[in-house]
Amino acid sequence: MAKSSDFDLVVIGSGPGGYTAAIRAAQLGMKVACVEKEPKLGGTCLRVGCIPSKALLEATERFATARDRF
């Protein structure tokens, strides 16, 4: 297992801010570790929160519009 001293930056959490910070730091040449407790990256907002909820709401609104027009 790597030690924290093996990295220039350790990012805790892979939500919208975390993965963006990790990617940008790597682009700038830093050795980066991104620590996430879940098996998939993205955080709650991306995987099960805001974005999926908004997609479901949009699909529901489009379905209702199509149902009411035809």
PDB file of N, CA and C in Angstrom:
ATOM      1  N   MET A   1       0.844  -1.176   0.000  1.00  0.00           N
ATOM      2  CA  MET A   1       0.000   0.000   0.000  1.00  0.00           C
ATOM      3  C   MET A   1       0.889   1.240   0.000  1.00  0.00           C
ATOM      4  N   ALA A   2       0.502   2.207  -0.791  1.00  0.00           N
ATOM      5  CA  ALA A   2       1.278   3.448  -0.893  1.00  0.00           C
ATOM      6  C   ALA A   2       1.100   4.291   0.364  1.00  0.00           C
ATOM      7  N   LYS A   3       2.130   5.037   0.705  1.00  0.00           N
ATOM      8  CA  LYS A   3       2.073   5.965   1.832  1.00  0.00           C
ATOM      9  C   LYS A   3       1.678   7.344   1.315  1.00  0.00           C
ATOM     10  N   SER A   4       1.091   8.150   2.184  1.00  0.00           N
ATOM     11  CA  SER A   4       0.680   9.490   1.753  1.00  0.00           C
ATOM     12  C   SER A   4       1.867  10.324   1.301  1.00  0.00           C
ATOM     13  N   SER A   5       3.066   9.999   1.790  1.00  0.00           N
ATOM     14  CA  SER A   5       4.250  10.758   1.376  1.00  0.00           C
ATOM     15  C   SER A   5       4.684  10.432  -0.052  1.00  0.00           C
ATOM     16  N   ASP A   6       4.061   9.416  -0.660  1.00  0.00           N
ATOM     17  CA  ASP A   6       4.358   9.069  -2.051  1.00  0.00           C
ATOM     18  C   ASP A   6       3.639   9.997  -3.032  1.00  0.00           C
ATOM     19  N   PHE A   7       2.788  10.868  -2.528  1.00  0.00           N
ATOM     20  CA  PHE A   7       1.966  11.726  -3.376  1.00  0.00           C
ATOM     21  C   PHE A   7       2.179  13.196  -3.031  1.00  0.00           C
ATOM     22  N   ASP A   8       1.989  14.040  -4.035  1.00  0.00           N
ATOM     23  CA  ASP A   8       2.015  15.482  -3.808  1.00  0.00           C
ATOM     24  C   ASP A   8       0.679  15.957  -3.239  1.00  0.00           C
ATOM     25  N   LEU A   9      -0.390  15.263  -3.619  1.00  0.00           N
ATOM     26  CA  LEU A   9      -1.734  15.656  -3.200  1.00  0.00           C
ATOM     27  C   LEU A   9      -2.582  14.413  -2.993  1.00  0.00           C
ATOM     28  N   VAL A  10      -3.299  14.372  -1.892  1.00  0.00           N
ATOM     29  CA  VAL A  10      -4.273  13.314  -1.644  1.00  0.00           C
ATOM     30  C   VAL A  10      -5.640  13.982  -1.566  1.00  0.00           C
ATOM     31  N   VAL A  11      -6.531  13.591  -2.469  1.00  0.00           N
ATOM     32  CA  VAL A  11      -7.882  14.152  -2.524  1.00  0.00           C
ATOM     33  C   VAL A  11      -8.820  13.158  -1.854  1.00  0.00           C
ATOM     34  N   ILE A  12      -9.591  13.635  -0.896  1.00  0.00           N
ATOM     35  CA  ILE A  12     -10.540  12.775  -0.198  1.00  0.00           C
ATOM     36  C   ILE A  12     -11.920  12.993  -0.803  1.00  0.00           C
ATOM     37  N   GLY A  13     -12.446  11.946  -1.428  1.00  0.00           N
ATOM     38  CA  GLY A  13     -13.757  12.016  -2.060  1.00  0.00           C
ATOM     39  C   GLY A  13     -13.650  12.275  -3.553  1.00  0.00           C
ATOM     40  N   SER A  14     -14.490  11.585  -4.315  1.00  0.00           N
ATOM     41  CA  SER A  14     -14.444  11.723  -5.773  1.00  0.00           C
ATOM     42  C   SER A  14     -15.710  12.370  -6.314  1.00  0.00           C
ATOM     43  N   GLY A  15     -16.305  13.230  -5.519  1.00  0.00           N
ATOM     44  CA  GLY A  15     -17.475  13.975  -5.986  1.00  0.00           C
ATOM     45  C   GLY A  15     -17.061  14.992  -7.033  1.00  0.00           C
ATOM     46  N   PRO A  16     -17.972  15.862  -7.445  1.00  0.00           N
ATOM     47  CA  PRO A  16     -17.676  16.831  -8.493  1.00  0.00           C
ATOM     48  C   PRO A  16     -16.423  17.668  -8.228  1.00  0.00           C
ATOM     49  N   GLY A  17     -16.212  18.080  -7.001  1.00  0.00           N
ATOM     50  CA  GLY A  17     -15.014  18.857  -6.669  1.00  0.00           C
ATOM     51  C   GLY A  17     -13.775  18.002  -6.566  1.00  0.00           C
ATOM     52  N   GLY A  18     -13.919  16.814  -5.992  1.00  0.00           N
ATOM     53  CA  GLY A  18     -12.775  15.940  -5.768  1.00  0.00           C
ATOM     54  C   GLY A  18     -12.134  15.435  -7.042  1.00  0.00           C
ATOM     55  N   TYR A  19     -12.939  14.861  -7.930  1.00  0.00           N
ATOM     56  CA  TYR A  19     -12.321  14.315  -9.136  1.00  0.00           C
ATOM     57  C   TYR A  19     -11.800  15.419 -10.043  1.00  0.00           C
ATOM     58  N   THR A  20     -12.457  16.579 -10.040  1.00  0.00           N
ATOM     59  CA  THR A  20     -11.965  17.708 -10.830  1.00  0.00           C
ATOM     60  C   THR A  20     -10.618  18.186 -10.303  1.00  0.00           C
ATOM     61  N   ALA A  21     -10.503  18.287  -8.989  1.00  0.00           N
ATOM     62  CA  ALA A  21      -9.236  18.704  -8.381  1.00  0.00           C
ATOM     63  C   ALA A  21      -8.134  17.694  -8.664  1.00  0.00           C
ATOM     64  N   ALA A  22      -8.455  16.411  -8.574  1.00  0.00           N
ATOM     65  CA  ALA A  22      -7.460  15.368  -8.819  1.00  0.00           C
ATOM     66  C   ALA A  22      -6.973  15.400 -10.270  1.00  0.00           C
ATOM     67  N   ILE A  23      -7.892  15.538 -11.200  1.00  0.00           N
ATOM     68  CA  ILE A  23      -7.516  15.587 -12.619  1.00  0.00           C
ATOM     69  C   ILE A  23      -6.650  16.807 -12.907  1.00  0.00           C
ATOM     70  N   ARG A  24      -7.067  17.960 -12.392  1.00  0.00           N
ATOM     71  CA  ARG A  24      -6.303  19.191 -12.662  1.00  0.00           C
ATOM     72  C   ARG A  24      -4.912  19.124 -12.051  1.00  0.00           C
ATOM     73  N   ALA A  25      -4.804  18.613 -10.845  1.00  0.00           N
ATOM     74  CA  ALA A  25      -3.497  18.487 -10.205  1.00  0.00           C
ATOM     75  C   ALA A  25      -2.594  17.547 -10.999  1.00  0.00           C
ATOM     76  N   ALA A  26      -3.157  16.457 -11.507  1.00  0.00           N
ATOM     77  CA  ALA A  26      -2.369  15.531 -12.331  1.00  0.00           C
ATOM     78  C   ALA A  26      -1.931  16.206 -13.626  1.00  0.00           C
ATOM     79  N   GLN A  27      -2.815  17.007 -14.228  1.00  0.00           N
ATOM     80  CA  GLN A  27      -2.452  17.740 -15.443  1.00  0.00           C
ATOM     81  C   GLN A  27      -1.303  18.707 -15.191  1.00  0.00           C
ATOM     82  N   LEU A  28      -1.227  19.213 -13.969  1.00  0.00           N
ATOM     83  CA  LEU A  28      -0.159  20.145 -13.602  1.00  0.00           C
ATOM     84  C   LEU A  28       1.120  19.426 -13.168  1.00  0.00           C
ATOM     85  N   GLY A  29       1.114  18.095 -13.271  1.00  0.00           N
ATOM     86  CA  GLY A  29       2.317  17.323 -12.997  1.00  0.00           C
ATOM     87  C   GLY A  29       2.446  16.766 -11.596  1.00  0.00           C
ATOM     88  N   MET A  30       1.426  16.907 -10.786  1.00  0.00           N
ATOM     89  CA  MET A  30       1.486  16.375  -9.427  1.00  0.00           C
ATOM     90  C   MET A  30       1.193  14.878  -9.422  1.00  0.00           C
ATOM     91  N   LYS A  31       1.757  14.185  -8.439  1.00  0.00           N
ATOM     92  CA  LYS A  31       1.413  12.785  -8.187  1.00  0.00           C
ATOM     93  C   LYS A  31       0.218  12.812  -7.248  1.00  0.00           C
ATOM     94  N   VAL A  32      -0.922  12.305  -7.728  1.00  0.00           N
ATOM     95  CA  VAL A  32      -2.192  12.471  -7.020  1.00  0.00           C
ATOM     96  C   VAL A  32      -2.792  11.123  -6.645  1.00  0.00           C
ATOM     97  N   ALA A  33      -3.351  11.071  -5.450  1.00  0.00           N
ATOM     98  CA  ALA A  33      -4.168   9.932  -5.023  1.00  0.00           C
ATOM     99  C   ALA A  33      -5.557  10.470  -4.720  1.00  0.00           C
ATOM    100  N   CYS A  34      -6.564   9.775  -5.212  1.00  0.00           N
ATOM    101  CA  CYS A  34      -7.949  10.151  -4.941  1.00  0.00           C
ATOM    102  C   CYS A  34      -8.559   9.019  -4.112  1.00  0.00           C
ATOM    103  N   VAL A  35      -8.971   9.322  -2.899  1.00  0.00           N
ATOM    104  CA  VAL A  35      -9.490   8.325  -1.968  1.00  0.00           C
ATOM    105  C   VAL A  35     -11.012   8.395  -1.966  1.00  0.00           C
ATOM    106  N   GLU A  36     -11.659   7.256  -2.218  1.00  0.00           N
ATOM    107  CA  GLU A  36     -13.120   7.196  -2.267  1.00  0.00           C
ATOM    108  C   GLU A  36     -13.572   5.938  -1.547  1.00  0.00           C
ATOM    109  N   LYS A  37     -14.568   6.056  -0.679  1.00  0.00           N
ATOM    110  CA  LYS A  37     -15.051   4.898   0.065  1.00  0.00           C
ATOM    111  C   LYS A  37     -15.990   4.019  -0.759  1.00  0.00           C
ATOM    112  N   GLU A  38     -16.624   4.578  -1.761  1.00  0.00           N
ATOM    113  CA  GLU A  38     -17.546   3.824  -2.610  1.00  0.00           C
ATOM    114  C   GLU A  38     -16.777   3.118  -3.727  1.00  0.00           C
ATOM    115  N   PRO A  39     -17.346   2.049  -4.300  1.00  0.00           N
ATOM    116  CA  PRO A  39     -16.636   1.333  -5.374  1.00  0.00           C
ATOM    117  C   PRO A  39     -16.562   2.095  -6.698  1.00  0.00           C
ATOM    118  N   LYS A  40     -17.393   3.122  -6.875  1.00  0.00           N
ATOM    119  CA  LYS A  40     -17.392   3.892  -8.120  1.00  0.00           C
ATOM    120  C   LYS A  40     -17.113   5.356  -7.825  1.00  0.00           C
ATOM    121  N   LEU A  41     -16.461   6.011  -8.771  1.00  0.00           N
ATOM    122  CA  LEU A  41     -16.172   7.435  -8.629  1.00  0.00           C
ATOM    123  C   LEU A  41     -17.392   8.273  -8.977  1.00  0.00           C
ATOM    124  N   GLY A  42     -17.407   9.499  -8.534  1.00  0.00           N
ATOM    125  CA  GLY A  42     -18.449  10.437  -8.923  1.00  0.00           C
ATOM    126  C   GLY A  42     -19.217  11.043  -7.777  1.00  0.00           C
ATOM    127  N   GLY A  43     -19.224  10.407  -6.636  1.00  0.00           N
ATOM    128  CA  GLY A  43     -19.943  10.958  -5.496  1.00  0.00           C
ATOM    129  C   GLY A  43     -21.445  10.809  -5.625  1.00  0.00           C
ATOM    130  N   THR A  44     -22.128  11.215  -4.599  1.00  0.00           N
ATOM    131  CA  THR A  44     -23.584  11.075  -4.539  1.00  0.00           C
ATOM    132  C   THR A  44     -24.284  11.860  -5.639  1.00  0.00           C
ATOM    133  N   CYS A  45     -23.854  13.082  -5.868  1.00  0.00           N
ATOM    134  CA  CYS A  45     -24.529  13.937  -6.850  1.00  0.00           C
ATOM    135  C   CYS A  45     -24.536  13.298  -8.239  1.00  0.00           C
ATOM    136  N   LEU A  46     -23.406  12.801  -8.654  1.00  0.00           N
ATOM    137  CA  LEU A  46     -23.283  12.247 -10.003  1.00  0.00           C
ATOM    138  C   LEU A  46     -23.967  10.892 -10.141  1.00  0.00           C
ATOM    139  N   ARG A  47     -23.843  10.030  -9.140  1.00  0.00           N
ATOM    140  CA  ARG A  47     -24.317   8.658  -9.276  1.00  0.00           C
ATOM    141  C   ARG A  47     -25.765   8.436  -8.872  1.00  0.00           C
ATOM    142  N   VAL A  48     -26.216   9.021  -7.777  1.00  0.00           N
ATOM    143  CA  VAL A  48     -27.574   8.729  -7.300  1.00  0.00           C
ATOM    144  C   VAL A  48     -28.361   9.965  -6.886  1.00  0.00           C
ATOM    145  N   GLY A  49     -27.731  11.116  -6.847  1.00  0.00           N
ATOM    146  CA  GLY A  49     -28.388  12.314  -6.332  1.00  0.00           C
ATOM    147  C   GLY A  49     -28.904  13.223  -7.414  1.00  0.00           C
ATOM    148  N   CYS A  50     -28.318  14.387  -7.491  1.00  0.00           N
ATOM    149  CA  CYS A  50     -28.801  15.485  -8.330  1.00  0.00           C
ATOM    150  C   CYS A  50     -29.002  15.111  -9.796  1.00  0.00           C
ATOM    151  N   ILE A  51     -27.971  14.612 -10.431  1.00  0.00           N
ATOM    152  CA  ILE A  51     -28.024  14.395 -11.880  1.00  0.00           C
ATOM    153  C   ILE A  51     -29.019  13.302 -12.254  1.00  0.00           C
ATOM    154  N   PRO A  52     -28.990  12.105 -11.627  1.00  0.00           N
ATOM    155  CA  PRO A  52     -30.009  11.109 -11.969  1.00  0.00           C
ATOM    156  C   PRO A  52     -31.428  11.591 -11.663  1.00  0.00           C
ATOM    157  N   SER A  53     -31.591  12.327 -10.572  1.00  0.00           N
ATOM    158  CA  SER A  53     -32.918  12.854 -10.229  1.00  0.00           C
ATOM    159  C   SER A  53     -33.405  13.831 -11.286  1.00  0.00           C
ATOM    160  N   LYS A  54     -32.528  14.714 -11.744  1.00  0.00           N
ATOM    161  CA  LYS A  54     -32.898  15.683 -12.774  1.00  0.00           C
ATOM    162  C   LYS A  54     -33.230  14.985 -14.086  1.00  0.00           C
ATOM    163  N   ALA A  55     -32.483  13.939 -14.425  1.00  0.00           N
ATOM    164  CA  ALA A  55     -32.765  13.189 -15.651  1.00  0.00           C
ATOM    165  C   ALA A  55     -34.130  12.511 -15.561  1.00  0.00           C
ATOM    166  N   LEU A  56     -34.446  11.950 -14.400  1.00  0.00           N
ATOM    167  CA  LEU A  56     -35.746  11.312 -14.213  1.00  0.00           C
ATOM    168  C   LEU A  56     -36.876  12.335 -14.300  1.00  0.00           C
ATOM    169  N   LEU A  57     -36.701  13.492 -13.686  1.00  0.00           N
ATOM    170  CA  LEU A  57     -37.718  14.543 -13.768  1.00  0.00           C
ATOM    171  C   LEU A  57     -37.934  15.006 -15.207  1.00  0.00           C
ATOM    172  N   GLU A  58     -36.848  15.191 -15.946  1.00  0.00           N
ATOM    173  CA  GLU A  58     -36.956  15.618 -17.344  1.00  0.00           C
ATOM    174  C   GLU A  58     -37.686  14.567 -18.178  1.00  0.00           C
ATOM    175  N   ALA A  59     -37.338  13.299 -17.990  1.00  0.00           N
ATOM    176  CA  ALA A  59     -37.996  12.226 -18.735  1.00  0.00           C
ATOM    177  C   ALA A  59     -39.483  12.166 -18.398  1.00  0.00           C
ATOM    178  N   THR A  60     -39.811  12.347 -17.135  1.00  0.00           N
ATOM    179  CA  THR A  60     -41.212  12.336 -16.709  1.00  0.00           C
ATOM    180  C   THR A  60     -41.987  13.488 -17.337  1.00  0.00           C
ATOM    181  N   GLU A  61     -41.387  14.671 -17.362  1.00  0.00           N
ATOM    182  CA  GLU A  61     -42.049  15.827 -17.976  1.00  0.00           C
ATOM    183  C   GLU A  61     -42.265  15.609 -19.465  1.00  0.00           C
ATOM    184  N   ARG A  62     -41.285  15.039 -20.144  1.00  0.00           N
ATOM    185  CA  ARG A  62     -41.440  14.781 -21.582  1.00  0.00           C
ATOM    186  C   ARG A  62     -42.512  13.728 -21.843  1.00  0.00           C
ATOM    187  N   PHE A  63     -42.555  12.707 -20.992  1.00  0.00           N
ATOM    188  CA  PHE A  63     -43.589  11.685 -21.120  1.00  0.00           C
ATOM    189  C   PHE A  63     -44.974  12.309 -20.949  1.00  0.00           C
ATOM    190  N   ALA A  64     -45.126  13.148 -19.928  1.00  0.00           N
ATOM    191  CA  ALA A  64     -46.420  13.796 -19.676  1.00  0.00           C
ATOM    192  C   ALA A  64     -46.819  14.694 -20.842  1.00  0.00           C
ATOM    193  N   THR A  65     -45.863  15.421 -21.400  1.00  0.00           N
ATOM    194  CA  THR A  65     -46.144  16.286 -22.547  1.00  0.00           C
ATOM    195  C   THR A  65     -46.597  15.456 -23.742  1.00  0.00           C
ATOM    196  N   ALA A  66     -45.894  14.371 -24.028  1.00  0.00           N
ATOM    197  CA  ALA A  66     -46.265  13.504 -25.153  1.00  0.00           C
ATOM    198  C   ALA A  66     -47.637  12.881 -24.923  1.00  0.00           C
ATOM    199  N   ARG A  67     -47.901  12.441 -23.706  1.00  0.00           N
ATOM    200  CA  ARG A  67     -49.188  11.828 -23.378  1.00  0.00           C
ATOM    201  C   ARG A  67     -50.328  12.822 -23.571  1.00  0.00           C
ATOM    202  N   ASP A  68     -50.120  14.049 -23.143  1.00  0.00           N
ATOM    203  CA  ASP A  68     -51.179  15.059 -23.209  1.00  0.00           C
ATOM    204  C   ASP A  68     -51.401  15.603 -24.616  1.00  0.00           C
ATOM    205  N   ARG A  69     -50.395  15.555 -25.461  1.00  0.00           N
ATOM    206  CA  ARG A  69     -50.522  16.097 -26.819  1.00  0.00           C
ATOM    207  C   ARG A  69     -51.116  15.095 -27.798  1.00  0.00           C
ATOM    208  N   PHE A  70     -50.961  13.819 -27.525  1.00  0.00           N
ATOM    209  CA  PHE A  70     -51.401  12.820 -28.510  1.00  0.00           C
ATOM    210  C   PHE A  70     -52.553  12.042 -28.017  1.00  0.00           C
TER     211      PHE A  70
END
